[in-house]
């Protein structure tokens, strides 16, 4: 089961890496009041339009991997072979990114991909997506490290 957990978290980290390639454009414009230039907004919005809308059904693979990860973690917990601290930490490290992605990041990416709102709203969405992805990377990386250590990799 550790192999499934590490494979799923590794896959999700790879997806996050691809997202961050576009997201990091917001970091050079950190001033909260400053709108992103059109070139950055266009680049980020075009990516999220492809990732969330025109790439269907491939986008569903990410959600399936999230479900497999959480299901495998639940199965691992049901077996009772791991310490409670490991399972609790794993649930938080994986659960927070999954819930954040499904409830906030993906809906924001869809809106940005459709260029909803004006430049100020699109800038807000792009910054929120970047922040969400940085949180998700931290969680998934922590999860992967825990399970790699558990598997002795």
Protein backbone atom coordinates (compact mmCIF):
# COMPACT_ATOMS: atom_id res chain seq x y z
CA UNK A 1 0.00 0.00 0.00
CA UNK A 2 2.93 2.35 0.63
CA UNK A 3 3.82 2.06 -3.06
CA UNK A 4 0.35 3.26 -4.06
CA UNK A 5 0.51 6.13 -1.58
CA UNK A 6 3.92 7.27 -2.79
CA UNK A 7 2.96 6.88 -6.46
CA UNK A 8 -0.22 8.92 -6.03
CA UNK A 9 1.49 11.68 -4.07
CA UNK A 10 4.35 11.74 -6.59
CA UNK A 11 1.86 12.09 -9.45
CA UNK A 12 0.04 14.91 -7.67
CA UNK A 13 3.35 16.67 -7.00
CA UNK A 14 4.16 16.46 -10.72
CA UNK A 15 0.80 18.03 -11.57
CA UNK A 16 1.40 20.78 -9.03
CA UNK A 17 4.85 21.41 -10.51
CA UNK A 18 3.26 21.95 -13.94
CA UNK A 19 0.72 24.33 -12.43
CA UNK A 20 3.42 26.26 -10.58
CA UNK A 21 5.37 26.78 -13.82
CA UNK A 22 2.56 29.20 -14.73
CA UNK A 23 1.58 30.34 -11.22
CA UNK A 24 4.99 31.74 -10.30
CA UNK A 25 4.47 34.59 -12.74
CA UNK A 26 2.45 36.29 -9.99
CA UNK A 27 5.41 36.34 -7.59
CA UNK A 28 7.26 39.08 -9.41
CA UNK A 29 4.23 41.33 -8.87
CA UNK A 30 3.81 40.78 -5.13
CA UNK A 31 2.35 44.18 -4.35
CA UNK A 32 -1.20 43.47 -3.21
CA UNK A 33 -2.63 46.44 -5.09
CA UNK A 34 -0.75 45.89 -8.33
CA UNK A 35 -2.63 44.17 -11.14
CA UNK A 36 -0.78 41.59 -13.16
CA UNK A 37 0.17 42.66 -16.67
CA UNK A 38 -1.98 41.27 -19.46
CA UNK A 39 0.86 39.06 -20.71
CA UNK A 40 1.03 37.22 -17.36
CA UNK A 41 -2.75 37.04 -16.97
CA UNK A 42 -3.12 35.71 -20.49
CA UNK A 43 -0.44 33.07 -20.00
CA UNK A 44 -1.89 31.83 -16.71
CA UNK A 45 -5.52 32.00 -17.89
CA UNK A 46 -4.75 30.16 -21.13
CA UNK A 47 -3.05 27.38 -19.19
CA UNK A 48 -5.96 26.98 -16.79
CA UNK A 49 -8.46 27.06 -19.63
CA UNK A 50 -6.65 24.09 -21.19
CA UNK A 51 -6.12 22.32 -17.86
CA UNK A 52 -9.69 22.65 -16.60
CA UNK A 53 -11.85 22.83 -19.72
CA UNK A 54 -10.42 21.72 -23.04
CA UNK A 55 -8.38 18.77 -21.75
CA UNK A 56 -11.39 16.77 -20.59
CA UNK A 57 -11.48 13.95 -19.63
CA UNK A 58 -7.78 14.11 -18.68
CA UNK A 59 -8.52 16.56 -15.86
CA UNK A 60 -10.64 13.89 -14.21
CA UNK A 61 -7.56 11.68 -13.83
CA UNK A 62 -6.26 14.08 -11.18
CA UNK A 63 -9.46 13.75 -9.15
CA UNK A 64 -9.33 9.95 -9.51
CA UNK A 65 -5.74 9.88 -8.23
CA UNK A 66 -6.80 12.03 -5.26
CA UNK A 67 -9.57 9.54 -4.47
CA UNK A 68 -7.19 6.59 -4.83
CA UNK A 69 -4.74 8.31 -2.47
CA UNK A 70 -7.38 8.94 0.19
CA UNK A 71 -8.89 5.48 -0.25
CA UNK A 72 -5.49 3.81 0.04
CA UNK A 73 -4.74 5.86 3.15
CA UNK A 74 -8.09 4.79 4.65
CA UNK A 75 -7.32 1.16 3.81
CA UNK A 76 -3.87 1.52 5.38
CA UNK A 77 -5.46 2.95 8.53
CA UNK A 78 -8.00 0.11 8.66
CA UNK A 79 -5.20 -2.45 8.64
CA UNK A 80 -3.92 -0.95 11.90
CA UNK A 81 -0.23 -1.58 11.19
CA UNK A 82 0.91 2.05 11.35
CA UNK A 83 1.26 4.41 14.29
CA UNK A 84 -1.59 6.84 14.86
CA UNK A 85 0.71 9.85 14.50
CA UNK A 86 1.72 8.73 10.99
CA UNK A 87 -1.86 8.22 9.89
CA UNK A 88 -3.01 11.50 11.45
CA UNK A 89 -0.18 13.48 9.90
CA UNK A 90 -0.77 11.76 6.56
CA UNK A 91 -4.49 12.52 6.66
CA UNK A 92 -3.77 16.21 7.28
CA UNK A 93 -0.94 16.44 4.75
CA UNK A 94 -3.04 14.83 2.00
CA UNK A 95 -6.53 15.89 3.10
CA UNK A 96 -5.90 19.62 3.25
CA UNK A 97 -4.56 19.84 -0.32
CA UNK A 98 -7.33 17.62 -1.70
CA UNK A 99 -10.11 19.58 0.00
CA UNK A 100 -8.49 22.91 -0.92
CA UNK A 101 -8.14 21.84 -4.55
CA UNK A 102 -11.69 20.58 -4.88
CA UNK A 103 -13.40 23.43 -3.04
CA UNK A 104 -11.31 26.48 -3.95
CA UNK A 105 -8.43 26.00 -6.37
CA UNK A 106 -10.21 24.23 -9.21
CA UNK A 107 -13.26 26.54 -9.18
CA UNK A 108 -10.90 29.54 -9.17
CA UNK A 109 -8.89 28.07 -12.04
CA UNK A 110 -12.04 27.48 -14.07
CA UNK A 111 -13.13 31.11 -13.53
CA UNK A 112 -9.67 32.39 -14.44
CA UNK A 113 -9.52 30.11 -17.46
CA UNK A 114 -12.76 31.67 -18.69
CA UNK A 115 -11.33 35.15 -17.97
CA UNK A 116 -14.19 35.93 -15.58
CA UNK A 117 -14.18 39.47 -14.26
CA UNK A 118 -11.81 42.28 -15.07
CA UNK A 119 -8.05 42.44 -14.61
CA UNK A 120 -8.33 43.07 -10.86
CA UNK A 121 -10.50 39.96 -10.33
CA UNK A 122 -8.30 37.84 -12.59
CA UNK A 123 -5.23 39.03 -10.66
CA UNK A 124 -6.92 38.06 -7.40
CA UNK A 125 -7.76 34.61 -8.80
CA UNK A 126 -4.23 34.06 -10.12
CA UNK A 127 -2.71 35.01 -6.75
CA UNK A 128 -5.15 32.79 -4.86
CA UNK A 129 -4.40 29.84 -7.14
CA UNK A 130 -0.65 30.32 -6.68
CA UNK A 131 -1.06 30.49 -2.89
CA UNK A 132 -3.24 27.37 -2.91
CA UNK A 133 -0.73 25.48 -5.01
CA UNK A 134 2.16 26.42 -2.71
CA UNK A 135 0.14 25.09 0.24
CA UNK A 136 -0.66 21.92 -1.70
CA UNK A 137 2.99 21.37 -2.67
CA UNK A 138 4.02 21.62 0.98
CA UNK A 139 1.36 19.09 2.01
CA UNK A 140 2.01 16.60 -0.78
CA UNK A 141 5.78 16.84 -0.35
CA UNK A 142 5.44 16.21 3.38
CA UNK A 143 3.14 13.27 2.68
CA UNK A 144 5.55 11.81 0.13
CA UNK A 145 8.52 12.16 2.48
CA UNK A 146 6.64 10.42 5.30
CA UNK A 147 5.64 7.46 3.14
CA UNK A 148 9.02 7.16 1.47
CA UNK A 149 10.59 7.03 4.94
CA UNK A 150 7.95 4.49 6.05
CA UNK A 151 8.76 2.32 3.01
CA UNK A 152 12.48 2.67 3.60
CA UNK A 153 13.10 4.36 0.26
